[in-house]
Amino acid sequence: MGLFSGRNWCWVCGALWMAMCVAAGCGKAYEYRAALEHSAAMREAPSTADYPEAAEAKTDQSPNADETPRPPNVAALQRKIIYTATVDLVVESFDETPAAIELLVRKHNGYVARSNIYSTPGRPRSGQWTVRIPVDQYEAFLQAARSLGEVRRIASDSKDVTEEYYDVDARLRNKKTEEKRLVQLLEDATGKLTEVLQVERELFRVRGEIERLEGRLRLLDNLAALTTVTISVEEIKGYQPEEAPSYGTEVRRAWQISITALVETGRALSIAAVAAAPWVVVLGVVFSPLFFWLRRAWKRWRARRVAQATRQPQ
């Protein structure tokens, strides 16, 4: 029998096949581990791929380049600024104010987000409106709002969220790239079940972060595109109803108020009696022996007093 007989060849081929399977499995496991390590690193490391100006300023470190790196071209980025304002007005008559505010808001392509109107007979009326106005109409709207009444106070504020906006945008792009890598890795998965489940958990986490970042980006877009103006209006004179109530109406209201008060009083007394019933029973059980003892002692004392009075000489 020679060294390379048929049986020996079978053993050699089998050993080679097993070695290739082990090498393929190790390579796939290494690919899984590398992808997961890359995903973990992406959480911490910011990327400048979405901002060519920043990347260029960071990588241009050759001997022929200038010693001072160029900063990102911030002027090329669209600034995101949130504007808010508060307007306090005083008017002589409140009748036309709500309609005037709504007309003014529509004229400047805005909308009323929230409104509250307060009116009590005999007292000045007041109201508060929260409106959203486009940024390009912000200054014109504030100037027009002054004509609604006497200005008592106007305050405006602005907050620059440009850095936060583009930071969130860059993180969102990185997370989407990371999601594509994990999806591709999951589609080509041939490794162990535990490694596949680990990739799925990482993919679920990344998609959750993408949704959170997209929500934050939409919120910043909305706040920067539309300014928020709060208008407060107060009437000077006391408010009176258009028609004074008649004598019959006043009598009917007084009767209804009296009946309602009587019913509420009876209801309160009945509830108090029901609530006191258990206490009456408990106190009766506790203090009944003391009551009978005191009653007997008083009768004995009275009897002795009567006996002493009858024995005294006439």
C-alpha atoms as a PDB file:
ATOM      1  CA  MET A   1       0.000   0.000   0.000  1.00  0.00           C
ATOM      2  CA  GLY A   2       1.362   3.380  -0.911  1.00  0.00           C
ATOM      3  CA  LEU A   3       1.299   6.503   1.182  1.00  0.00           C
ATOM      4  CA  PHE A   4      -1.352   8.120  -1.071  1.00  0.00           C
ATOM      5  CA  SER A   5      -3.762   5.217  -1.247  1.00  0.00           C
ATOM      6  CA  GLY A   6      -7.524   5.779  -1.636  1.00  0.00           C
ATOM      7  CA  ARG A   7      -8.251   5.658   2.104  1.00  0.00           C
ATOM      8  CA  ASN A   8      -5.453   8.114   2.934  1.00  0.00           C
ATOM      9  CA  TRP A   9      -6.704  10.516   0.304  1.00  0.00           C
ATOM     10  CA  CYS A  10     -10.156  10.468   1.893  1.00  0.00           C
ATOM     11  CA  TRP A  11      -8.693  11.336   5.290  1.00  0.00           C
ATOM     12  CA  VAL A  12      -6.603  14.137   3.779  1.00  0.00           C
ATOM     13  CA  CYS A  13      -9.585  15.655   1.921  1.00  0.00           C
ATOM     14  CA  GLY A  14     -11.766  15.467   5.017  1.00  0.00           C
ATOM     15  CA  ALA A  15      -9.141  17.239   7.122  1.00  0.00           C
ATOM     16  CA  LEU A  16      -8.743  19.975   4.532  1.00  0.00           C
ATOM     17  CA  TRP A  17     -12.540  20.490   4.323  1.00  0.00           C
ATOM     18  CA  MET A  18     -12.843  20.812   8.124  1.00  0.00           C
ATOM     19  CA  ALA A  19      -9.964  23.290   8.214  1.00  0.00           C
ATOM     20  CA  MET A  20     -11.660  25.429   5.545  1.00  0.00           C
ATOM     21  CA  CYS A  21     -14.983  25.417   7.485  1.00  0.00           C
ATOM     22  CA  VAL A  22     -13.239  26.458  10.691  1.00  0.00           C
ATOM     23  CA  ALA A  23     -11.385  29.247   8.870  1.00  0.00           C
ATOM     24  CA  ALA A  24     -14.625  30.521   7.280  1.00  0.00           C
ATOM     25  CA  GLY A  25     -16.447  30.507  10.632  1.00  0.00           C
ATOM     26  CA  CYS A  26     -13.614  32.360  12.335  1.00  0.00           C
ATOM     27  CA  GLY A  27     -13.551  34.902   9.519  1.00  0.00           C
ATOM     28  CA  LYS A  28     -17.300  35.525   9.809  1.00  0.00           C
ATOM     29  CA  ALA A  29     -17.059  35.813  13.605  1.00  0.00           C
ATOM     30  CA  TYR A  30     -14.244  38.299  13.193  1.00  0.00           C
ATOM     31  CA  GLU A  31     -16.391  40.242  10.711  1.00  0.00           C
ATOM     32  CA  TYR A  32     -19.261  40.364  13.255  1.00  0.00           C
ATOM     33  CA  ARG A  33     -16.966  41.525  16.033  1.00  0.00           C
ATOM     34  CA  ALA A  34     -15.382  44.161  13.793  1.00  0.00           C
ATOM     35  CA  ALA A  35     -18.805  45.497  12.769  1.00  0.00           C
ATOM     36  CA  LEU A  36     -19.996  45.690  16.372  1.00  0.00           C
ATOM     37  CA  GLU A  37     -16.764  47.389  17.469  1.00  0.00           C
ATOM     38  CA  HIS A  38     -17.166  49.872  14.637  1.00  0.00           C
ATOM     39  CA  SER A  39     -20.768  50.522  15.722  1.00  0.00           C
ATOM     40  CA  ALA A  40     -19.629  51.184  19.282  1.00  0.00           C
ATOM     41  CA  ALA A  41     -16.914  53.516  18.057  1.00  0.00           C
ATOM     42  CA  MET A  42     -19.421  55.423  15.928  1.00  0.00           C
ATOM     43  CA  ARG A  43     -21.341  56.331  19.079  1.00  0.00           C
ATOM     44  CA  GLU A  44     -18.431  58.314  20.444  1.00  0.00           C
ATOM     45  CA  ALA A  45     -16.534  59.621  17.422  1.00  0.00           C
ATOM     46  CA  PRO A  46     -18.042  62.610  15.552  1.00  0.00           C
ATOM     47  CA  SER A  47     -17.815  62.628  11.795  1.00  0.00           C
ATOM     48  CA  THR A  48     -16.898  65.476   9.453  1.00  0.00           C
ATOM     49  CA  ALA A  49     -17.904  63.663   6.285  1.00  0.00           C
ATOM     50  CA  ASP A  50     -21.051  65.763   5.992  1.00  0.00           C
ATOM     51  CA  TYR A  51     -19.133  69.030   6.297  1.00  0.00           C
ATOM     52  CA  PRO A  52     -16.449  69.227   3.599  1.00  0.00           C
ATOM     53  CA  GLU A  53     -15.151  72.533   4.909  1.00  0.00           C
ATOM     54  CA  ALA A  54     -14.449  71.069   8.342  1.00  0.00           C
ATOM     55  CA  ALA A  55     -12.887  67.932   6.853  1.00  0.00           C
ATOM     56  CA  GLU A  56     -10.641  69.973   4.599  1.00  0.00           C
ATOM     57  CA  ALA A  57      -9.509  72.171   7.484  1.00  0.00           C
ATOM     58  CA  LYS A  58      -8.737  69.067   9.528  1.00  0.00           C
ATOM     59  CA  THR A  59      -6.863  67.024   6.903  1.00  0.00           C
ATOM     60  CA  ASP A  60      -4.834  69.775   5.233  1.00  0.00           C
ATOM     61  CA  GLN A  61      -1.738  69.260   7.382  1.00  0.00           C
ATOM     62  CA  SER A  62       0.845  68.714   4.624  1.00  0.00           C
ATOM     63  CA  PRO A  63       4.199  70.523   4.818  1.00  0.00           C
ATOM     64  CA  ASN A  64       3.133  72.816   1.982  1.00  0.00           C
ATOM     65  CA  ALA A  65      -0.112  73.834   3.682  1.00  0.00           C
ATOM     66  CA  ASP A  66      -0.470  76.889   5.860  1.00  0.00           C
ATOM     67  CA  GLU A  67       0.456  76.437   9.500  1.00  0.00           C
ATOM     68  CA  THR A  68      -2.958  77.720  10.632  1.00  0.00           C
ATOM     69  CA  PRO A  69      -5.764  75.310   9.626  1.00  0.00           C
ATOM     70  CA  ARG A  70      -8.798  76.844   8.012  1.00  0.00           C
ATOM     71  CA  PRO A  71     -11.981  76.734  10.105  1.00  0.00           C
ATOM     72  CA  PRO A  72     -15.281  75.442   8.660  1.00  0.00           C
ATOM     73  CA  ASN A  73     -17.087  77.845   6.381  1.00  0.00           C
ATOM     74  CA  VAL A  74     -19.828  78.794   8.825  1.00  0.00           C
ATOM     75  CA  ALA A  75     -21.091  81.551   6.540  1.00  0.00           C
ATOM     76  CA  ALA A  76     -22.043  78.915   3.948  1.00  0.00           C
ATOM     77  CA  LEU A  77     -24.321  77.184   6.462  1.00  0.00           C
ATOM     78  CA  GLN A  78     -27.895  78.358   6.895  1.00  0.00           C
ATOM     79  CA  ARG A  79     -28.254  79.760  10.391  1.00  0.00           C
ATOM     80  CA  LYS A  80     -31.008  78.415  12.633  1.00  0.00           C
ATOM     81  CA  ILE A  81     -32.315  81.034  15.074  1.00  0.00           C
ATOM     82  CA  ILE A  82     -35.404  80.717  17.290  1.00  0.00           C
ATOM     83  CA  TYR A  83     -37.220  84.022  17.801  1.00  0.00           C
ATOM     84  CA  THR A  84     -39.755  84.652  20.575  1.00  0.00           C
ATOM     85  CA  ALA A  85     -41.568  87.823  21.608  1.00  0.00           C
ATOM     86  CA  THR A  86     -44.084  89.035  24.186  1.00  0.00           C
ATOM     87  CA  VAL A  87     -46.470  91.930  23.549  1.00  0.00           C
ATOM     88  CA  ASP A  88     -48.608  93.438  26.346  1.00  0.00           C
ATOM     89  CA  LEU A  89     -51.357  95.847  25.239  1.00  0.00           C
ATOM     90  CA  VAL A  90     -54.119  97.881  26.865  1.00  0.00           C
ATOM     91  CA  VAL A  91     -57.326  98.736  24.944  1.00  0.00           C
ATOM     92  CA  GLU A  92     -60.345 100.871  25.786  1.00  0.00           C
ATOM     93  CA  SER A  93     -62.823  98.417  24.256  1.00  0.00           C
ATOM     94  CA  PHE A  94     -62.204  94.689  23.965  1.00  0.00           C
ATOM     95  CA  ASP A  95     -65.051  94.016  21.507  1.00  0.00           C
ATOM     96  CA  GLU A  96     -63.028  94.157  18.268  1.00  0.00           C
ATOM     97  CA  THR A  97     -59.703  92.893  19.633  1.00  0.00           C
ATOM     98  CA  PRO A  98     -60.065  89.109  18.992  1.00  0.00           C
ATOM     99  CA  ALA A  99     -61.124  89.628  15.361  1.00  0.00           C
ATOM    100  CA  ALA A 100     -58.369  92.210  14.813  1.00  0.00           C
ATOM    101  CA  ILE A 101     -55.688  89.839  16.107  1.00  0.00           C
ATOM    102  CA  GLU A 102     -56.872  86.934  13.947  1.00  0.00           C
ATOM    103  CA  LEU A 103     -56.984  89.187  10.881  1.00  0.00           C
ATOM    104  CA  LEU A 104     -53.484  90.473  11.578  1.00  0.00           C
ATOM    105  CA  VAL A 105     -52.130  86.945  11.998  1.00  0.00           C
ATOM    106  CA  ARG A 106     -53.654  85.755   8.721  1.00  0.00           C
ATOM    107  CA  LYS A 107     -52.311  88.841   6.948  1.00  0.00           C
ATOM    108  CA  HIS A 108     -48.761  87.837   7.934  1.00  0.00           C
ATOM    109  CA  ASN A 109     -49.230  84.163   6.899  1.00  0.00           C
ATOM    110  CA  GLY A 110     -49.286  82.875  10.473  1.00  0.00           C
ATOM    111  CA  TYR A 111     -51.737  80.986  12.644  1.00  0.00           C
ATOM    112  CA  VAL A 112     -53.077  81.109  16.211  1.00  0.00           C
ATOM    113  CA  ALA A 113     -51.637  78.230  18.232  1.00  0.00           C
ATOM    114  CA  ARG A 114     -53.520  78.965  21.465  1.00  0.00           C
ATOM    115  CA  SER A 115     -55.957  81.605  22.746  1.00  0.00           C
ATOM    116  CA  ASN A 116     -57.688  82.367  26.056  1.00  0.00           C
ATOM    117  CA  ILE A 117     -60.314  85.059  26.675  1.00  0.00           C
ATOM    118  CA  TYR A 118     -61.439  85.987  30.195  1.00  0.00           C
ATOM    119  CA  SER A 119     -64.646  87.953  30.841  1.00  0.00           C
ATOM    120  CA  THR A 120     -66.515  88.558  34.123  1.00  0.00           C
ATOM    121  CA  PRO A 121     -69.459  90.974  34.490  1.00  0.00           C
ATOM    122  CA  GLY A 122     -68.334  94.204  36.140  1.00  0.00           C
ATOM    123  CA  ARG A 123     -64.648  93.558  35.526  1.00  0.00           C
ATOM    124  CA  PRO A 124     -62.306  94.387  32.631  1.00  0.00           C
ATOM    125  CA  ARG A 125     -61.965  91.688  29.990  1.00  0.00           C
ATOM    126  CA  SER A 126     -58.607  90.274  28.988  1.00  0.00           C
ATOM    127  CA  GLY A 127     -57.169  87.757  26.593  1.00  0.00           C
ATOM    128  CA  GLN A 128     -53.958  86.021  25.614  1.00  0.00           C
ATOM    129  CA  TRP A 129     -52.964  84.664  22.211  1.00  0.00           C
ATOM    130  CA  THR A 130     -49.947  82.567  21.252  1.00  0.00           C
ATOM    131  CA  VAL A 131     -49.329  82.919  17.510  1.00  0.00           C
ATOM    132  CA  ARG A 132     -46.761  81.471  15.096  1.00  0.00           C
ATOM    133  CA  ILE A 133     -45.425  83.868  12.465  1.00  0.00           C
ATOM    134  CA  PRO A 134     -42.926  83.119   9.651  1.00  0.00           C
ATOM    135  CA  VAL A 135     -39.458  84.508  10.239  1.00  0.00           C
ATOM    136  CA  ASP A 136     -39.589  86.856   7.265  1.00  0.00           C
ATOM    137  CA  GLN A 137     -42.801  88.422   8.661  1.00  0.00           C
ATOM    138  CA  TYR A 138     -41.592  88.682  12.272  1.00  0.00           C
ATOM    139  CA  GLU A 139     -40.527  92.342  12.357  1.00  0.00           C
ATOM    140  CA  ALA A 140     -43.499  93.511  10.296  1.00  0.00           C
ATOM    141  CA  PHE A 141     -45.905  91.666  12.583  1.00  0.00           C
ATOM    142  CA  LEU A 142     -44.428  93.235  15.726  1.00  0.00           C
ATOM    143  CA  GLN A 143     -44.761  96.690  14.194  1.00  0.00           C
ATOM    144  CA  ALA A 144     -48.366  96.030  13.182  1.00  0.00           C
ATOM    145  CA  ALA A 145     -49.223  94.620  16.644  1.00  0.00           C
ATOM    146  CA  ARG A 146     -48.479  98.016  18.166  1.00  0.00           C
ATOM    147  CA  SER A 147     -51.539  99.451  16.410  1.00  0.00           C
ATOM    148  CA  LEU A 148     -53.917  97.111  18.247  1.00  0.00           C
ATOM    149  CA  GLY A 149     -53.815  99.205  21.425  1.00  0.00           C
ATOM    150  CA  GLU A 150     -51.627 101.073  23.860  1.00  0.00           C
ATOM    151  CA  VAL A 151     -48.303  99.288  24.244  1.00  0.00           C
ATOM    152  CA  ARG A 152     -47.443  98.485  27.817  1.00  0.00           C
ATOM    153  CA  ARG A 153     -44.510  96.167  27.173  1.00  0.00           C
ATOM    154  CA  ILE A 154     -42.747  94.528  24.236  1.00  0.00           C
ATOM    155  CA  ALA A 155     -39.954  92.017  24.780  1.00  0.00           C
ATOM    156  CA  SER A 156     -38.173  89.905  22.171  1.00  0.00           C
ATOM    157  CA  ASP A 157     -35.589  87.164  22.474  1.00  0.00           C
ATOM    158  CA  SER A 158     -33.561  85.001  20.123  1.00  0.00           C
ATOM    159  CA  LYS A 159     -31.617  81.787  20.519  1.00  0.00           C
ATOM    160  CA  ASP A 160     -29.039  80.606  17.995  1.00  0.00           C
ATOM    161  CA  VAL A 161     -29.331  76.809  17.582  1.00  0.00           C
ATOM    162  CA  THR A 162     -27.211  76.548  14.438  1.00  0.00           C
ATOM    163  CA  GLU A 163     -24.477  74.528  16.137  1.00  0.00           C
ATOM    164  CA  GLU A 164     -26.963  72.148  17.739  1.00  0.00           C
ATOM    165  CA  TYR A 165     -28.904  71.743  14.489  1.00  0.00           C
ATOM    166  CA  TYR A 166     -25.933  70.746  12.336  1.00  0.00           C
ATOM    167  CA  ASP A 167     -24.510  68.603  15.113  1.00  0.00           C
ATOM    168  CA  VAL A 168     -27.769  66.652  15.251  1.00  0.00           C
ATOM    169  CA  ASP A 169     -27.829  66.489  11.450  1.00  0.00           C
ATOM    170  CA  ALA A 170     -24.296  65.045  11.316  1.00  0.00           C
ATOM    171  CA  ARG A 171     -25.082  62.481  14.003  1.00  0.00           C
ATOM    172  CA  LEU A 172     -28.219  61.499  12.100  1.00  0.00           C
ATOM    173  CA  ARG A 173     -26.251  60.910   8.898  1.00  0.00           C
ATOM    174  CA  ASN A 174     -23.709  58.808  10.784  1.00  0.00           C
ATOM    175  CA  LYS A 175     -26.451  56.713  12.361  1.00  0.00           C
ATOM    176  CA  LYS A 176     -28.070  56.086   8.982  1.00  0.00           C
ATOM    177  CA  THR A 177     -24.727  54.945   7.570  1.00  0.00           C
ATOM    178  CA  GLU A 178     -24.296  52.687  10.577  1.00  0.00           C
ATOM    179  CA  GLU A 179     -27.794  51.307  10.032  1.00  0.00           C
ATOM    180  CA  LYS A 180     -26.990  50.396   6.407  1.00  0.00           C
ATOM    181  CA  ARG A 181     -23.845  48.537   7.490  1.00  0.00           C
ATOM    182  CA  LEU A 182     -25.747  46.556  10.130  1.00  0.00           C
ATOM    183  CA  VAL A 183     -28.575  45.701   7.709  1.00  0.00           C
ATOM    184  CA  GLN A 184     -26.083  44.480   5.106  1.00  0.00           C
ATOM    185  CA  LEU A 185     -24.263  42.446   7.741  1.00  0.00           C
ATOM    186  CA  LEU A 186     -27.548  40.928   8.911  1.00  0.00           C
ATOM    187  CA  GLU A 187     -28.556  39.975   5.353  1.00  0.00           C
ATOM    188  CA  ASP A 188     -25.233  38.181   4.813  1.00  0.00           C
ATOM    189  CA  ALA A 189     -25.279  36.576   8.270  1.00  0.00           C
ATOM    190  CA  THR A 190     -24.017  32.985   8.373  1.00  0.00           C
ATOM    191  CA  GLY A 191     -22.479  33.032  11.854  1.00  0.00           C
ATOM    192  CA  LYS A 192     -23.712  31.835  15.213  1.00  0.00           C
ATOM    193  CA  LEU A 193     -27.209  32.601  16.474  1.00  0.00           C
ATOM    194  CA  THR A 194     -25.875  34.627  19.421  1.00  0.00           C
ATOM    195  CA  GLU A 195     -23.892  36.867  17.076  1.00  0.00           C
ATOM    196  CA  VAL A 196     -26.931  37.375  14.814  1.00  0.00           C
ATOM    197  CA  LEU A 197     -29.048  38.342  17.829  1.00  0.00           C
ATOM    198  CA  GLN A 198     -26.346  40.744  18.961  1.00  0.00           C
ATOM    199  CA  VAL A 199     -26.401  42.450  15.540  1.00  0.00           C
ATOM    200  CA  GLU A 200     -30.214  42.692  15.687  1.00  0.00           C
ATOM    201  CA  ARG A 201     -30.072  44.315  19.118  1.00  0.00           C
ATOM    202  CA  GLU A 202     -27.512  46.810  17.868  1.00  0.00           C
ATOM    203  CA  LEU A 203     -29.671  47.538  14.815  1.00  0.00           C
ATOM    204  CA  PHE A 204     -32.714  48.122  17.053  1.00  0.00           C
ATOM    205  CA  ARG A 205     -30.734  50.559  19.205  1.00  0.00           C
ATOM    206  CA  VAL A 206     -29.420  52.462  16.176  1.00  0.00           C
ATOM    207  CA  ARG A 207     -32.914  52.813  14.686  1.00  0.00           C
ATOM    208  CA  GLY A 208     -34.197  54.151  18.008  1.00  0.00           C
ATOM    209  CA  GLU A 209     -31.474  56.813  18.019  1.00  0.00           C
ATOM    210  CA  ILE A 210     -32.320  57.695  14.399  1.00  0.00           C
ATOM    211  CA  GLU A 211     -35.964  58.296  15.305  1.00  0.00           C
ATOM    212  CA  ARG A 212     -34.974  60.448  18.280  1.00  0.00           C
ATOM    213  CA  LEU A 213     -32.556  62.541  16.209  1.00  0.00           C
ATOM    214  CA  GLU A 214     -35.106  62.971  13.396  1.00  0.00           C
ATOM    215  CA  GLY A 215     -37.683  64.213  15.922  1.00  0.00           C
ATOM    216  CA  ARG A 216     -35.224  66.711  17.379  1.00  0.00           C
ATOM    217  CA  LEU A 217     -34.290  67.925  13.889  1.00  0.00           C
ATOM    218  CA  ARG A 218     -37.959  68.439  12.952  1.00  0.00           C
ATOM    219  CA  LEU A 219     -38.564  70.372  16.166  1.00  0.00           C
ATOM    220  CA  LEU A 220     -35.607  72.693  15.558  1.00  0.00           C
ATOM    221  CA  ASP A 221     -36.726  73.217  11.956  1.00  0.00           C
ATOM    222  CA  ASN A 222     -40.230  74.163  13.091  1.00  0.00           C
ATOM    223  CA  LEU A 223     -39.057  76.508  15.841  1.00  0.00           C
ATOM    224  CA  ALA A 224     -36.585  78.228  13.528  1.00  0.00           C
ATOM    225  CA  ALA A 225     -39.013  78.556  10.605  1.00  0.00           C
ATOM    226  CA  LEU A 226     -41.874  80.045  12.655  1.00  0.00           C
ATOM    227  CA  THR A 227     -41.440  82.601  15.423  1.00  0.00           C
ATOM    228  CA  THR A 228     -43.553  82.456  18.583  1.00  0.00           C
ATOM    229  CA  VAL A 229     -45.302  85.662  19.681  1.00  0.00           C
ATOM    230  CA  THR A 230     -47.443  85.899  22.834  1.00  0.00           C
ATOM    231  CA  ILE A 231     -49.967  88.756  22.806  1.00  0.00           C
ATOM    232  CA  SER A 232     -51.700  89.802  26.041  1.00  0.00           C
ATOM    233  CA  VAL A 233     -54.524  92.348  25.873  1.00  0.00           C
ATOM    234  CA  GLU A 234     -56.351  93.923  28.838  1.00  0.00           C
ATOM    235  CA  GLU A 235     -59.378  96.195  28.772  1.00  0.00           C
ATOM    236  CA  ILE A 236     -59.397  99.434  30.747  1.00  0.00           C
ATOM    237  CA  LYS A 237     -63.107  99.913  31.532  1.00  0.00           C
ATOM    238  CA  GLY A 238     -65.301  97.453  33.387  1.00  0.00           C
ATOM    239  CA  TYR A 239     -67.208  94.963  31.262  1.00  0.00           C
ATOM    240  CA  GLN A 240     -71.012  95.097  31.342  1.00  0.00           C
ATOM    241  CA  PRO A 241     -73.355  92.654  29.591  1.00  0.00           C
ATOM    242  CA  GLU A 242     -75.192  93.973  26.537  1.00  0.00           C
ATOM    243  CA  GLU A 243     -78.609  93.495  28.210  1.00  0.00           C
ATOM    244  CA  ALA A 244     -79.298  93.964  31.943  1.00  0.00           C
ATOM    245  CA  PRO A 245     -81.355  91.089  33.469  1.00  0.00           C
ATOM    246  CA  SER A 246     -85.054  91.802  34.116  1.00  0.00           C
ATOM    247  CA  TYR A 247     -86.767  91.701  37.544  1.00  0.00           C
ATOM    248  CA  GLY A 248     -88.294  88.303  36.791  1.00  0.00           C
ATOM    249  CA  THR A 249     -84.905  86.944  35.775  1.00  0.00           C
ATOM    250  CA  GLU A 250     -83.318  88.172  39.000  1.00  0.00           C
ATOM    251  CA  VAL A 251     -86.146  86.601  41.097  1.00  0.00           C
ATOM    252  CA  ARG A 252     -85.779  83.300  39.244  1.00  0.00           C
ATOM    253  CA  ARG A 253     -81.999  83.299  39.743  1.00  0.00           C
ATOM    254  CA  ALA A 254     -82.401  84.117  43.476  1.00  0.00           C
ATOM    255  CA  TRP A 255     -84.927  81.255  43.885  1.00  0.00           C
ATOM    256  CA  GLN A 256     -82.637  78.815  42.075  1.00  0.00           C
ATOM    257  CA  ILE A 257     -79.647  79.883  44.173  1.00  0.00           C
ATOM    258  CA  SER A 258     -81.677  79.472  47.413  1.00  0.00           C
ATOM    259  CA  ILE A 259     -82.975  76.017  46.439  1.00  0.00           C
ATOM    260  CA  THR A 260     -79.492  74.922  45.411  1.00  0.00           C
ATOM    261  CA  ALA A 261     -78.057  76.126  48.720  1.00  0.00           C
ATOM    262  CA  LEU A 262     -80.804  74.306  50.681  1.00  0.00           C
ATOM    263  CA  VAL A 263     -80.183  71.056  48.814  1.00  0.00           C
ATOM    264  CA  GLU A 264     -76.439  71.326  49.291  1.00  0.00           C
ATOM    265  CA  THR A 265     -76.884  72.036  53.017  1.00  0.00           C
ATOM    266  CA  GLY A 266     -79.172  69.005  53.490  1.00  0.00           C
ATOM    267  CA  ARG A 267     -76.748  66.857  51.534  1.00  0.00           C
ATOM    268  CA  ALA A 268     -73.815  68.033  53.669  1.00  0.00           C
ATOM    269  CA  LEU A 269     -75.725  67.401  56.923  1.00  0.00           C
ATOM    270  CA  SER A 270     -76.770  63.900  55.858  1.00  0.00           C
ATOM    271  CA  ILE A 271     -73.206  63.030  54.897  1.00  0.00           C
ATOM    272  CA  ALA A 272     -71.978  64.398  58.243  1.00  0.00           C
ATOM    273  CA  ALA A 273     -74.564  62.278  60.110  1.00  0.00           C
ATOM    274  CA  VAL A 274     -73.528  59.126  58.269  1.00  0.00           C
ATOM    275  CA  ALA A 275     -69.869  59.886  58.906  1.00  0.00           C
ATOM    276  CA  ALA A 276     -70.522  60.490  62.660  1.00  0.00           C
ATOM    277  CA  ALA A 277     -72.614  57.314  63.188  1.00  0.00           C
ATOM    278  CA  PRO A 278     -69.653  54.925  63.786  1.00  0.00           C
ATOM    279  CA  TRP A 279     -68.103  57.383  66.243  1.00  0.00           C
ATOM    280  CA  VAL A 280     -71.377  57.654  68.196  1.00  0.00           C
ATOM    281  CA  VAL A 281     -71.543  53.865  68.556  1.00  0.00           C
ATOM    282  CA  VAL A 282     -67.922  53.574  69.667  1.00  0.00           C
ATOM    283  CA  LEU A 283     -68.173  56.457  72.136  1.00  0.00           C
ATOM    284  CA  GLY A 284     -71.439  55.024  73.517  1.00  0.00           C
ATOM    285  CA  VAL A 285     -69.829  51.667  74.192  1.00  0.00           C
ATOM    286  CA  VAL A 286     -66.786  53.257  75.808  1.00  0.00           C
ATOM    287  CA  PHE A 287     -68.534  55.853  77.996  1.00  0.00           C
ATOM    288  CA  SER A 288     -71.773  53.980  78.899  1.00  0.00           C
ATOM    289  CA  PRO A 289     -70.284  52.283  82.032  1.00  0.00           C
ATOM    290  CA  LEU A 290     -68.907  55.602  83.239  1.00  0.00           C
ATOM    291  CA  PHE A 291     -72.286  57.282  82.690  1.00  0.00           C
ATOM    292  CA  PHE A 292     -74.198  54.639  84.686  1.00  0.00           C
ATOM    293  CA  TRP A 293     -71.613  54.711  87.501  1.00  0.00           C
ATOM    294  CA  LEU A 294     -71.842  58.485  87.782  1.00  0.00           C
ATOM    295  CA  ARG A 295     -75.658  58.317  87.754  1.00  0.00           C
ATOM    296  CA  ARG A 296     -75.705  55.728  90.574  1.00  0.00           C
ATOM    297  CA  ALA A 297     -73.191  57.730  92.604  1.00  0.00           C
ATOM    298  CA  TRP A 298     -75.302  60.877  92.218  1.00  0.00           C
ATOM    299  CA  LYS A 299     -78.463  59.049  93.343  1.00  0.00           C
ATOM    300  CA  ARG A 300     -76.683  57.690  96.428  1.00  0.00           C
ATOM    301  CA  TRP A 301     -75.358  61.128  97.326  1.00  0.00           C
ATOM    302  CA  ARG A 302     -78.819  62.644  96.918  1.00  0.00           C
ATOM    303  CA  ALA A 303     -80.382  59.900  99.087  1.00  0.00           C
ATOM    304  CA  ARG A 304     -77.877  60.540 101.867  1.00  0.00           C
ATOM    305  CA  ARG A 305     -78.615  64.258 101.738  1.00  0.00           C
ATOM    306  CA  VAL A 306     -82.348  63.588 102.035  1.00  0.00           C
ATOM    307  CA  ALA A 307     -81.819  61.177 104.977  1.00  0.00           C
ATOM    308  CA  GLN A 308     -79.657  63.677 106.814  1.00  0.00           C
ATOM    309  CA  ALA A 309     -82.255  66.377 106.335  1.00  0.00           C
ATOM    310  CA  THR A 310     -85.045  64.194 107.751  1.00  0.00           C
ATOM    311  CA  ARG A 311     -83.039  63.250 110.908  1.00  0.00           C
ATOM    312  CA  GLN A 312     -82.374  66.830 111.887  1.00  0.00           C
ATOM    313  CA  PRO A 313     -84.496  68.024 114.960  1.00  0.00           C
ATOM    314  CA  GLN A 314     -87.571  70.032 114.166  1.00  0.00           C
END
